[in-house]
Amino acid sequence: MASFLYPRVCFWLSSFKSLTFIVYSIMKNLILISFLIIPPMLGYPDLQQDFDDVISKKELLGQFDPSSHPDFEKIHSDYTNKPSIYLRKKAYSAFKDMFYDAKLCGIDLKIISATRNFNYQKGIWERKWKRTKYMGWQKADKALDILKYSSMPGTSRHHWGTDIDLNDLNNSYFETGEGQIIYQWLRLHAKDYGFEQVYTSKDQGRTGYQEEKWHWSYLPLSSIYLQEYNRLITSEDINNFNGSEVAGEIQAIEKYVNGIQKENP
């Protein structure tokens, strides 16, 4: 009976999401048109200025505590196997919608990493920097090797509270068995909830980190944070850890912060 219902439930769920997206798109376009035809003399507030006040350089660089930030919420144990990890409320809400819809299709999603602030990322980076295998390496070469899978502190998307790691930190897990089924579901449906795999295969010329099938980003927020990061942050802001002095030389911002899969049209 379950095998009979599975494709029907998933087909209904996909159809419902598609219909919802169509309605949303129509309403969104109507709102945009209304902004175009209303005279500018009505005096709209400077939204960019308000936005600047909300997103600070410290937030972009991860220099804050998510546990005391009003825009963050602790992730319930129903959705993670890690204690005391946090996510922005909007991203968390979207994930919960995706989580329960995935459950209907027999897919079990589990967050294994979410927001990581500067100090947390610095701990990861410093431990790798001190590995004995790097003895005698030039600083730039050492940084580039670590950057295959780990971000420099101050450059991680995990600082923003918009990105999550799901289920397993190995690509091989998502290539066979249960992991492959989960990955196929995410590729088909995650975008319906705002999530995209940003570190895809580099075969098409993407720069930066290696592929990460576990890393999914909530684009309705993270795309805004990336825009502001590029506007406000320079390599001089990336400092206070071993190897930070080569951030400009290796183009950490250009090739890594911006080394993501571009949004589908």
Protein backbone atom coordinates (compact mmCIF):
# COMPACT_ATOMS: atom_id res chain seq x y z
CA MET A 1 0.00 0.00 0.00
CA ALA A 2 2.84 2.39 0.93
CA SER A 3 4.62 1.81 -2.37
CA PHE A 4 1.34 2.56 -4.20
CA LEU A 5 0.77 5.83 -2.30
CA TYR A 6 4.35 7.12 -2.51
CA PRO A 7 4.35 8.25 -6.15
CA ARG A 8 0.78 9.58 -5.87
CA VAL A 9 1.55 11.65 -2.76
CA CYS A 10 4.75 13.03 -4.26
CA PHE A 11 3.01 13.81 -7.56
CA TRP A 12 0.21 15.64 -5.72
CA LEU A 13 2.74 17.50 -3.57
CA SER A 14 4.78 18.56 -6.60
CA SER A 15 1.66 19.68 -8.48
CA PHE A 16 0.42 21.67 -5.49
CA LYS A 17 3.81 23.39 -5.12
CA SER A 18 3.84 24.23 -8.83
CA LEU A 19 0.36 25.76 -8.63
CA THR A 20 1.34 27.74 -5.54
CA PHE A 21 4.44 29.04 -7.31
CA ILE A 22 2.37 30.16 -10.33
CA VAL A 23 -0.07 32.08 -8.10
CA TYR A 24 2.84 33.61 -6.19
CA SER A 25 4.54 34.69 -9.43
CA ILE A 26 1.36 36.39 -10.68
CA MET A 27 0.90 38.29 -7.40
CA LYS A 28 4.57 39.26 -7.33
CA ASN A 29 4.38 40.67 -10.86
CA LEU A 30 1.23 42.62 -10.04
CA ILE A 31 2.98 44.19 -7.06
CA LEU A 32 6.01 45.08 -9.19
CA ILE A 33 3.76 46.67 -11.83
CA SER A 34 2.01 48.75 -9.16
CA PHE A 35 5.39 50.12 -8.06
CA LEU A 36 6.20 51.07 -11.64
CA ILE A 37 3.00 53.00 -12.29
CA ILE A 38 2.71 54.85 -8.94
CA PRO A 39 4.38 58.29 -9.21
CA PRO A 40 7.67 58.61 -7.29
CA MET A 41 6.38 61.78 -5.61
CA LEU A 42 4.55 59.62 -3.06
CA GLY A 43 7.80 59.45 -1.18
CA TYR A 44 8.72 55.80 -0.67
CA PRO A 45 11.24 55.21 2.11
CA ASP A 46 14.84 54.63 1.15
CA LEU A 47 14.72 50.84 1.31
CA GLN A 48 18.43 50.47 0.56
CA GLN A 49 19.27 52.72 3.49
CA ASP A 50 17.00 50.69 5.78
CA PHE A 51 18.68 47.57 4.47
CA ASP A 52 22.14 48.97 5.20
CA ASP A 53 21.10 49.54 8.80
CA VAL A 54 19.94 45.94 9.15
CA ILE A 55 22.93 44.13 7.64
CA SER A 56 26.18 45.25 9.21
CA LYS A 57 29.73 44.32 8.30
CA LYS A 58 29.96 42.38 11.53
CA GLU A 59 27.04 40.18 10.50
CA LEU A 60 28.53 39.58 7.07
CA LEU A 61 31.85 38.62 8.66
CA GLY A 62 30.24 36.42 11.32
CA GLN A 63 31.32 38.61 14.21
CA PHE A 64 28.26 38.11 16.41
CA ASP A 65 26.57 35.52 18.61
CA PRO A 66 23.54 33.92 16.92
CA SER A 67 22.18 32.68 20.26
CA SER A 68 21.47 36.29 21.32
CA HIS A 69 20.52 37.70 17.90
CA PRO A 70 16.78 38.46 17.53
CA ASP A 71 16.65 37.21 13.91
CA PHE A 72 17.94 33.74 14.81
CA GLU A 73 16.22 30.72 16.30
CA LYS A 74 17.63 27.59 17.90
CA ILE A 75 17.00 24.52 15.75
CA HIS A 76 14.78 21.94 17.47
CA SER A 77 16.09 18.42 17.96
CA ASP A 78 13.42 17.17 15.53
CA TYR A 79 15.50 18.66 12.70
CA THR A 80 19.10 18.21 13.86
CA ASN A 81 21.36 15.82 15.73
CA LYS A 82 23.52 18.67 17.02
CA PRO A 83 22.91 20.66 20.22
CA SER A 84 22.57 24.44 20.20
CA ILE A 85 22.79 25.32 16.52
CA TYR A 86 20.95 28.29 15.04
CA LEU A 87 19.45 29.54 11.78
CA ARG A 88 17.77 32.74 10.64
CA LYS A 89 14.07 32.50 11.35
CA LYS A 90 12.98 32.85 7.71
CA ALA A 91 15.40 30.17 6.53
CA TYR A 92 14.39 27.92 9.43
CA SER A 93 10.69 28.29 8.62
CA ALA A 94 11.33 27.39 4.97
CA PHE A 95 13.38 24.38 6.00
CA LYS A 96 10.59 23.09 8.24
CA ASP A 97 8.15 23.27 5.33
CA MET A 98 10.61 21.31 3.20
CA PHE A 99 11.30 18.84 6.01
CA TYR A 100 7.65 17.84 6.46
CA ASP A 101 6.92 17.65 2.75
CA ALA A 102 10.00 15.47 2.30
CA LYS A 103 8.71 13.21 5.08
CA LEU A 104 5.56 12.57 3.04
CA CYS A 105 7.81 11.18 0.31
CA GLY A 106 9.83 9.05 2.71
CA ILE A 107 12.78 11.45 2.76
CA ASP A 108 14.47 12.13 6.10
CA LEU A 109 16.37 15.44 6.17
CA LYS A 110 18.68 16.24 9.07
CA ILE A 111 20.62 19.48 9.63
CA ILE A 112 24.16 18.67 10.74
CA SER A 113 25.52 22.23 10.55
CA ALA A 114 23.94 25.66 10.30
CA THR A 115 25.18 29.07 11.48
CA ARG A 116 28.88 29.20 12.28
CA ASN A 117 30.19 32.54 13.52
CA PHE A 118 33.71 33.89 13.01
CA ASN A 119 35.18 32.31 16.13
CA TYR A 120 33.74 28.88 15.31
CA GLN A 121 35.09 29.04 11.75
CA LYS A 122 38.43 30.28 13.06
CA GLY A 123 38.65 27.17 15.24
CA ILE A 124 38.13 24.93 12.20
CA TRP A 125 40.65 26.89 10.14
CA GLU A 126 43.37 27.07 12.81
CA ARG A 127 43.19 23.31 13.51
CA LYS A 128 43.73 22.58 9.82
CA TRP A 129 46.43 25.25 9.49
CA LYS A 130 48.51 23.54 12.19
CA ARG A 131 48.45 20.07 10.59
CA THR A 132 51.90 18.53 10.27
CA LYS A 133 51.35 17.78 6.58
CA TYR A 134 51.69 21.51 5.88
CA MET A 135 55.19 21.84 7.35
CA GLY A 136 57.35 23.73 4.86
CA TRP A 137 54.41 24.84 2.68
CA GLN A 138 54.09 28.42 1.48
CA LYS A 139 51.20 30.23 3.14
CA ALA A 140 49.24 30.72 -0.07
CA ASP A 141 49.56 27.04 -1.01
CA LYS A 142 48.50 25.97 2.46
CA ALA A 143 45.46 28.27 2.37
CA LEU A 144 44.41 27.02 -1.07
CA ASP A 145 44.57 23.39 0.08
CA ILE A 146 42.44 24.08 3.16
CA LEU A 147 40.02 26.06 1.00
CA LYS A 148 39.05 22.98 -0.98
CA TYR A 149 36.37 22.33 1.65
CA SER A 150 36.76 24.89 4.47
CA SER A 151 36.24 28.65 4.37
CA MET A 152 38.51 31.33 5.69
CA PRO A 153 36.98 32.96 8.78
CA GLY A 154 35.03 36.00 7.62
CA THR A 155 34.22 34.49 4.22
CA SER A 156 31.86 31.62 5.04
CA ARG A 157 28.21 31.63 3.93
CA HIS A 158 27.51 29.86 7.21
CA HIS A 159 28.19 33.21 8.93
CA TRP A 160 24.96 34.55 7.47
CA GLY A 161 22.56 32.02 9.01
CA THR A 162 21.15 31.19 5.58
CA ASP A 163 23.02 27.98 4.75
CA ILE A 164 22.76 24.44 6.05
CA ASP A 165 24.64 21.17 5.72
CA LEU A 166 22.37 18.15 5.42
CA ASN A 167 22.73 14.52 6.50
CA ASP A 168 26.41 13.81 5.71
CA LEU A 169 29.60 15.72 4.89
CA ASN A 170 30.78 13.32 2.19
CA ASN A 171 29.76 13.46 -1.46
CA SER A 172 29.98 9.67 -1.64
CA TYR A 173 27.04 9.35 0.77
CA PHE A 174 24.79 11.10 -1.77
CA GLU A 175 25.88 8.87 -4.66
CA THR A 176 24.44 5.52 -3.53
CA GLY A 177 21.55 4.06 -1.56
CA GLU A 178 19.50 6.26 0.76
CA GLY A 179 21.79 9.25 0.27
CA GLN A 180 21.30 9.16 -3.48
CA ILE A 181 17.50 9.13 -3.07
CA ILE A 182 17.73 12.11 -0.70
CA TYR A 183 19.97 14.03 -3.11
CA GLN A 184 17.70 13.35 -6.07
CA TRP A 185 14.71 14.62 -4.08
CA LEU A 186 16.59 17.77 -3.06
CA ARG A 187 17.66 18.49 -6.63
CA LEU A 188 14.06 18.20 -7.80
CA HIS A 189 12.24 19.95 -4.96
CA ALA A 190 14.54 22.05 -2.71
CA LYS A 191 14.23 25.07 -4.99
CA ASP A 192 10.46 25.08 -4.34
CA TYR A 193 11.30 26.10 -0.76
CA GLY A 194 14.07 28.56 -1.69
CA PHE A 195 17.05 26.22 -1.20
CA GLU A 196 19.76 25.59 -3.81
CA GLN A 197 23.01 23.66 -3.88
CA VAL A 198 25.50 26.49 -4.40
CA TYR A 199 28.70 24.42 -4.52
CA THR A 200 27.98 22.24 -7.53
CA SER A 201 30.39 20.45 -9.87
CA LYS A 202 33.22 22.64 -11.17
CA ASP A 203 33.03 21.08 -14.63
CA GLN A 204 31.32 24.19 -16.02
CA GLY A 205 33.97 26.61 -14.78
CA ARG A 206 32.74 27.40 -11.27
CA THR A 207 35.64 28.60 -9.10
CA GLY A 208 36.37 28.11 -5.42
CA TYR A 209 35.38 25.21 -3.21
CA GLN A 210 35.00 21.64 -4.37
CA GLU A 211 31.50 20.29 -4.91
CA GLU A 212 29.44 19.92 -1.72
CA LYS A 213 26.26 17.92 -2.21
CA TRP A 214 25.36 18.47 1.44
CA HIS A 215 25.46 22.29 1.39
CA TRP A 216 22.15 24.05 0.65
CA SER A 217 21.54 27.78 0.74
CA TYR A 218 18.30 29.67 1.32
CA LEU A 219 18.63 32.03 -1.65
CA PRO A 220 15.83 34.50 -0.80
CA LEU A 221 18.14 35.69 1.99
CA SER A 222 21.63 34.55 1.02
CA SER A 223 21.51 36.27 -2.38
CA ILE A 224 20.93 39.57 -0.55
CA TYR A 225 23.77 38.86 1.87
CA LEU A 226 26.11 38.06 -1.00
CA GLN A 227 25.18 41.34 -2.70
CA GLU A 228 25.91 43.27 0.48
CA TYR A 229 29.12 41.34 1.11
CA ASN A 230 30.44 42.34 -2.30
CA ARG A 231 29.44 45.94 -1.65
CA LEU A 232 30.84 46.32 1.85
CA ILE A 233 33.66 43.81 2.37
CA THR A 234 37.21 43.86 0.97
CA SER A 235 40.17 41.54 1.57
CA GLU A 236 41.40 43.99 4.21
CA ASP A 237 38.39 43.04 6.35
CA ILE A 238 39.51 39.40 6.35
CA ASN A 239 41.95 39.24 9.23
CA ASN A 240 42.79 37.99 12.73
CA PHE A 241 43.69 34.37 11.90
CA ASN A 242 46.66 32.45 10.54
CA GLY A 243 47.05 32.99 6.81
CA SER A 244 44.66 35.93 6.59
CA GLU A 245 47.38 38.02 4.97
CA VAL A 246 47.11 35.97 1.74
CA ALA A 247 43.32 36.49 1.35
CA GLY A 248 43.86 39.15 -1.30
CA GLU A 249 46.61 37.25 -3.09
CA ILE A 250 44.49 34.12 -3.56
CA GLN A 251 41.34 36.16 -4.32
CA ALA A 252 39.31 34.70 -1.47
CA ILE A 253 36.34 36.96 -2.18
CA GLU A 254 36.38 36.80 -5.96
CA LYS A 255 36.94 33.05 -6.30
CA TYR A 256 35.47 31.60 -3.12
CA VAL A 257 32.77 33.86 -1.70
CA ASN A 258 31.53 34.36 -5.27
CA GLY A 259 32.44 30.88 -6.48
CA ILE A 260 28.88 29.56 -6.48
CA GLN A 261 26.42 28.02 -8.88
CA LYS A 262 24.52 30.85 -10.53
CA GLU A 263 20.75 30.92 -10.06
CA ASN A 264 18.73 29.21 -12.74
CA PRO A 265 16.84 31.70 -14.96
